Amino acid sequence: MLVFTLNKKHLERHFEKDRVLFGYHQGDLDDFYFPDCQWAADYHQRARIEELILIYSGLKTATVLAFGLTDRFEPLLKEAIELLPNKFYCHFQKNCRNVFRQLYNEKPLGKFLKMKLVDKQQYASLAPDKNDNIVRLDSSHYQQLSELYKQAYPDNYFNNRMLETQKYFGCLFENELVAAAGVHVYSRKYKIAMLGNIATSEKFRNKGLATKVTAALVNELAGEGLLVALNVKSNNKAAIKCYTNLGFEKTHEYEESLFTLA
């Protein structure tokens, strides 16, 4: 039976079952994001959550994260389907597609991988030196960073608050920001960091700059004892090679789509 819950202890306990799969969920437990979240859960007559769907409304278009662990997930999704927004982006396992298609038109956005940092020696060997001009970014770099993303990564999700984490690094060339790496999720409380907003200016690609800025970031996050993970499109071979070289490995596959009420 579907119920909506705000019990952070129950949610956190559920996410501990697979911390990489539920990486973004854990970040949304932080107070800044939590008010924009709805947590549709199946307790299955127990004192713990069996399955869960996250509906995040903090963006212009809502996002639904639909990742299940058991055969109880599909019945939960079928029960929740009429409660979802008229339009939403969705991260989901492919076996759930037909449930969404009962009520929604789908615009597929591709297949994606989840990866986590497993080898703490590889990124250390790729750490930048002083000659690489890698710097920590802050709010004073917001305009430069926005311009970089507009040119090199127009579909990314970024806002100024992310710089407040102090977990953004960039590469400067003649005072121009030409590469950057940061986080979508960063929580010391829940010991999780999800990398994101990693981009290199088109004219500076194939020089290893993405690897350098990401290595600087990963070195700091891993040093804090955090689980470090990321999402990447499965056909982005250059990015996957970069992350693999830094010590990440694939853990899950999933799909993303835009669903609109039929």
Protein backbone atom coordinates (compact mmCIF):
# COMPACT_ATOMS: atom_id res chain seq x y z
CA MET A 1 0.00 0.00 0.00
CA LEU A 2 1.34 3.41 -0.99
CA VAL A 3 1.94 5.99 1.73
CA PHE A 4 3.82 9.28 1.68
CA THR A 5 6.50 9.60 4.33
CA LEU A 6 8.76 12.31 5.73
CA ASN A 7 10.59 9.98 8.13
CA LYS A 8 14.26 10.61 7.36
CA LYS A 9 15.44 7.70 9.48
CA HIS A 10 13.27 5.27 7.52
CA LEU A 11 14.39 6.80 4.23
CA GLU A 12 18.07 6.70 5.11
CA ARG A 13 17.78 3.06 6.20
CA HIS A 14 16.23 2.17 2.85
CA PHE A 15 18.96 3.97 0.89
CA GLU A 16 21.66 2.07 2.76
CA LYS A 17 20.56 -1.02 0.79
CA ASP A 18 22.29 0.40 -2.30
CA ARG A 19 23.99 3.74 -1.72
CA VAL A 20 25.08 4.23 -5.33
CA LEU A 21 21.65 3.51 -6.82
CA PHE A 22 20.13 5.91 -4.29
CA GLY A 23 22.92 8.50 -4.37
CA TYR A 24 20.72 11.42 -5.38
CA HIS A 25 18.03 10.32 -2.93
CA GLN A 26 20.49 10.64 -0.07
CA GLY A 27 21.47 14.14 -1.13
CA ASP A 28 17.82 15.15 -1.18
CA LEU A 29 17.56 14.30 2.52
CA ASP A 30 19.49 17.50 3.23
CA ASP A 31 17.29 20.32 4.52
CA PHE A 32 17.82 22.50 1.44
CA TYR A 33 16.25 19.94 -0.93
CA PHE A 34 13.93 18.04 1.40
CA PRO A 35 10.94 20.46 1.23
CA ASP A 36 10.77 19.93 -2.55
CA CYS A 37 10.58 16.15 -2.24
CA GLN A 38 7.68 13.73 -2.04
CA TRP A 39 8.55 10.20 -0.95
CA ALA A 40 5.98 7.60 -2.04
CA ALA A 41 6.75 4.43 -0.12
CA ASP A 42 5.60 0.85 0.31
CA TYR A 43 6.12 -0.34 3.88
CA HIS A 44 4.43 -3.71 3.19
CA GLN A 45 3.09 -3.95 6.76
CA ARG A 46 6.56 -3.57 8.22
CA ALA A 47 8.40 -0.92 10.17
CA ARG A 48 10.79 -0.31 7.29
CA ILE A 49 10.41 0.86 3.72
CA GLU A 50 10.34 -1.92 1.12
CA GLU A 51 10.22 0.23 -2.04
CA LEU A 52 10.12 3.94 -2.79
CA ILE A 53 9.57 6.55 -5.53
CA LEU A 54 11.00 10.07 -5.28
CA ILE A 55 9.17 13.02 -6.85
CA TYR A 56 11.36 16.14 -6.84
CA SER A 57 9.65 19.45 -7.65
CA GLY A 58 12.53 21.88 -7.06
CA LEU A 59 13.10 22.47 -10.77
CA LYS A 60 10.95 24.02 -13.49
CA THR A 61 10.03 20.50 -14.62
CA ALA A 62 9.64 17.84 -11.93
CA THR A 63 11.97 14.85 -11.76
CA VAL A 64 10.93 11.34 -10.75
CA LEU A 65 13.50 8.80 -9.58
CA ALA A 66 12.04 5.31 -9.97
CA PHE A 67 14.54 2.66 -8.88
CA GLY A 68 13.34 -0.57 -7.32
CA LEU A 69 15.06 -3.46 -5.60
CA THR A 70 12.34 -6.14 -5.45
CA ASP A 71 9.27 -7.40 -7.28
CA ARG A 72 7.19 -5.10 -5.08
CA PHE A 73 8.40 -2.02 -6.96
CA GLU A 74 6.23 -2.40 -10.07
CA PRO A 75 2.97 -2.66 -8.05
CA LEU A 76 4.01 0.49 -6.14
CA LEU A 77 4.64 2.31 -9.41
CA LYS A 78 1.27 1.22 -10.79
CA GLU A 79 -0.40 2.56 -7.66
CA ALA A 80 1.51 5.87 -7.85
CA ILE A 81 1.21 6.48 -11.60
CA GLU A 82 -1.92 8.63 -11.41
CA LEU A 83 -0.35 10.77 -8.68
CA LEU A 84 2.65 11.81 -10.77
CA PRO A 85 2.93 15.28 -12.38
CA ASN A 86 1.55 15.96 -15.86
CA LYS A 87 5.12 16.35 -17.12
CA PHE A 88 8.35 15.09 -15.59
CA TYR A 89 11.84 13.88 -16.29
CA CYS A 90 12.36 10.36 -15.10
CA HIS A 91 15.31 8.15 -14.17
CA PHE A 92 14.07 4.57 -14.27
CA GLN A 93 14.91 0.93 -14.85
CA LYS A 94 13.85 -0.17 -18.32
CA ASN A 95 11.43 -2.84 -17.06
CA CYS A 96 9.24 0.01 -15.73
CA ARG A 97 8.76 1.68 -19.12
CA ASN A 98 5.43 0.04 -19.92
CA VAL A 99 3.92 1.26 -16.65
CA PHE A 100 4.69 4.89 -17.54
CA ARG A 101 3.43 4.42 -21.09
CA GLN A 102 -0.04 3.53 -19.81
CA LEU A 103 -0.71 7.23 -19.17
CA TYR A 104 2.22 9.18 -20.63
CA ASN A 105 3.87 9.94 -23.93
CA GLU A 106 7.59 9.33 -23.81
CA LYS A 107 10.54 11.26 -25.20
CA PRO A 108 13.56 8.97 -24.59
CA LEU A 109 16.73 10.78 -23.51
CA GLY A 110 19.11 7.86 -23.57
CA LYS A 111 20.70 5.12 -21.56
CA PHE A 112 22.93 5.97 -18.61
CA LEU A 113 25.40 4.34 -16.26
CA LYS A 114 26.00 4.82 -12.57
CA MET A 115 29.65 4.57 -11.56
CA LYS A 116 31.39 4.68 -8.20
CA LEU A 117 34.96 5.31 -7.12
CA VAL A 118 36.60 2.02 -6.16
CA ASP A 119 40.34 2.49 -6.77
CA LYS A 120 41.88 5.21 -4.62
CA GLN A 121 45.31 4.86 -6.20
CA GLN A 122 44.39 5.72 -9.78
CA TYR A 123 43.06 9.23 -9.20
CA ALA A 124 46.02 10.07 -6.97
CA SER A 125 48.42 9.32 -9.83
CA LEU A 126 46.51 11.77 -12.06
CA ALA A 127 46.32 14.64 -9.58
CA PRO A 128 47.25 18.02 -11.11
CA ASP A 129 50.39 19.93 -10.23
CA LYS A 130 50.95 23.67 -9.85
CA ASN A 131 51.63 24.12 -13.54
CA ASP A 132 48.14 22.91 -14.51
CA ASN A 133 46.45 26.11 -13.26
CA ILE A 134 43.73 24.20 -11.41
CA VAL A 135 41.88 26.40 -8.91
CA ARG A 136 38.99 26.09 -6.52
CA LEU A 137 35.95 27.92 -7.85
CA ASP A 138 33.65 30.13 -5.78
CA SER A 139 30.78 32.56 -6.35
CA SER A 140 33.15 35.03 -8.05
CA HIS A 141 33.49 32.51 -10.88
CA TYR A 142 29.75 32.09 -11.41
CA GLN A 143 29.57 34.07 -14.64
CA GLN A 144 32.60 32.36 -16.14
CA LEU A 145 31.24 28.96 -15.18
CA SER A 146 27.82 29.73 -16.61
CA GLU A 147 29.40 30.80 -19.89
CA LEU A 148 31.47 27.61 -20.04
CA TYR A 149 28.37 25.46 -19.53
CA LYS A 150 26.37 27.45 -22.06
CA GLN A 151 29.01 26.75 -24.68
CA ALA A 152 30.22 23.26 -23.72
CA TYR A 153 27.40 21.63 -21.76
CA PRO A 154 24.08 23.40 -22.49
CA ASP A 155 21.88 20.62 -21.08
CA ASN A 156 23.45 20.57 -17.64
CA TYR A 157 21.82 21.48 -14.33
CA PHE A 158 23.69 24.19 -12.44
CA ASN A 159 22.87 27.01 -10.05
CA ASN A 160 24.95 29.35 -7.93
CA ARG A 161 24.21 27.49 -4.71
CA MET A 162 26.28 24.57 -5.92
CA LEU A 163 29.38 26.75 -5.71
CA GLU A 164 28.67 27.23 -2.01
CA THR A 165 29.71 23.61 -1.46
CA GLN A 166 33.28 24.71 -2.32
CA LYS A 167 33.51 21.49 -4.32
CA TYR A 168 34.08 22.95 -7.77
CA PHE A 169 37.46 23.05 -9.48
CA GLY A 170 38.40 24.69 -12.74
CA CYS A 171 41.28 25.11 -15.13
CA LEU A 172 42.26 28.65 -16.15
CA PHE A 173 44.07 29.58 -19.35
CA GLU A 174 44.94 33.27 -19.67
CA ASN A 175 42.16 34.03 -17.16
CA GLU A 176 39.61 32.08 -19.21
CA LEU A 177 37.83 29.18 -17.50
CA VAL A 178 38.31 26.30 -19.94
CA ALA A 179 37.36 23.23 -17.87
CA ALA A 180 35.44 22.55 -14.67
CA ALA A 181 34.24 19.73 -12.45
CA GLY A 182 31.83 19.88 -9.54
CA VAL A 183 29.05 18.13 -7.66
CA HIS A 184 25.31 17.75 -7.96
CA VAL A 185 25.09 16.19 -4.50
CA TYR A 186 27.41 16.85 -1.57
CA SER A 187 26.49 15.86 1.96
CA ARG A 188 28.89 15.31 4.82
CA LYS A 189 26.00 14.21 7.00
CA TYR A 190 25.09 11.36 4.68
CA LYS A 191 28.68 10.81 3.49
CA ILE A 192 27.83 11.04 -0.19
CA ALA A 193 29.03 13.04 -3.20
CA MET A 194 27.63 12.74 -6.72
CA LEU A 195 29.87 14.34 -9.32
CA GLY A 196 28.34 16.53 -12.00
CA ASN A 197 28.75 19.57 -14.23
CA ILE A 198 32.01 18.28 -15.69
CA ALA A 199 32.81 20.08 -18.93
CA THR A 200 35.66 21.31 -21.14
CA SER A 201 35.57 24.14 -23.64
CA GLU A 202 35.42 22.78 -27.20
CA LYS A 203 38.72 24.35 -28.24
CA PHE A 204 40.56 22.81 -25.26
CA ARG A 205 39.33 19.24 -25.52
CA ASN A 206 41.57 16.17 -25.88
CA LYS A 207 44.21 17.72 -23.61
CA GLY A 208 43.30 15.80 -20.45
CA LEU A 209 41.86 18.85 -18.69
CA ALA A 210 38.62 17.11 -17.64
CA THR A 211 40.72 14.40 -16.03
CA LYS A 212 42.85 16.98 -14.19
CA VAL A 213 39.95 18.97 -12.71
CA THR A 214 38.02 15.81 -11.83
CA ALA A 215 41.09 14.28 -10.19
CA ALA A 216 41.47 17.39 -8.02
CA LEU A 217 37.85 17.13 -6.97
CA VAL A 218 37.88 13.38 -6.36
CA ASN A 219 41.07 13.63 -4.31
CA GLU A 220 39.38 16.05 -1.94
CA LEU A 221 36.07 14.20 -1.69
CA ALA A 222 37.67 10.81 -1.12
CA GLY A 223 39.89 12.38 1.53
CA GLU A 224 36.74 13.28 3.44
CA GLY A 225 35.70 9.62 3.55
CA LEU A 226 32.69 10.11 1.26
CA LEU A 227 31.18 7.65 -1.16
CA VAL A 228 31.94 9.23 -4.55
CA ALA A 229 29.73 8.32 -7.52
CA LEU A 230 28.33 9.78 -10.74
CA ASN A 231 25.92 9.31 -13.64
CA VAL A 232 27.11 9.32 -17.25
CA LYS A 233 25.46 8.68 -20.61
CA SER A 234 26.34 5.18 -21.75
CA ASN A 235 27.49 6.31 -25.22
CA ASN A 236 29.82 9.02 -23.88
CA LYS A 237 32.96 6.97 -24.43
CA ALA A 238 35.38 9.81 -23.70
CA ALA A 239 33.81 10.56 -20.31
CA ILE A 240 33.60 6.89 -19.35
CA LYS A 241 37.28 6.43 -20.23
CA CYS A 242 38.14 9.47 -18.10
CA TYR A 243 36.22 8.14 -15.10
CA THR A 244 37.59 4.63 -15.50
CA ASN A 245 41.12 6.02 -15.56
CA LEU A 246 40.35 7.85 -12.32
CA GLY A 247 39.30 4.62 -10.60
CA PHE A 248 35.53 4.48 -11.17
CA GLU A 249 33.66 1.36 -12.20
CA LYS A 250 30.16 0.76 -13.52
CA THR A 251 27.56 -0.38 -11.00
CA HIS A 252 24.14 0.12 -12.65
CA GLU A 253 22.41 0.86 -15.93
CA TYR A 254 19.24 2.93 -16.20
CA GLU A 255 17.31 5.11 -18.64
CA GLU A 256 16.10 8.70 -18.74
CA SER A 257 13.01 10.05 -20.48
CA LEU A 258 10.68 13.00 -20.51
CA PHE A 259 7.12 11.85 -19.86
CA THR A 260 4.10 14.00 -20.72
CA LEU A 261 0.50 13.14 -19.90
CA ALA A 262 -1.17 11.74 -22.99
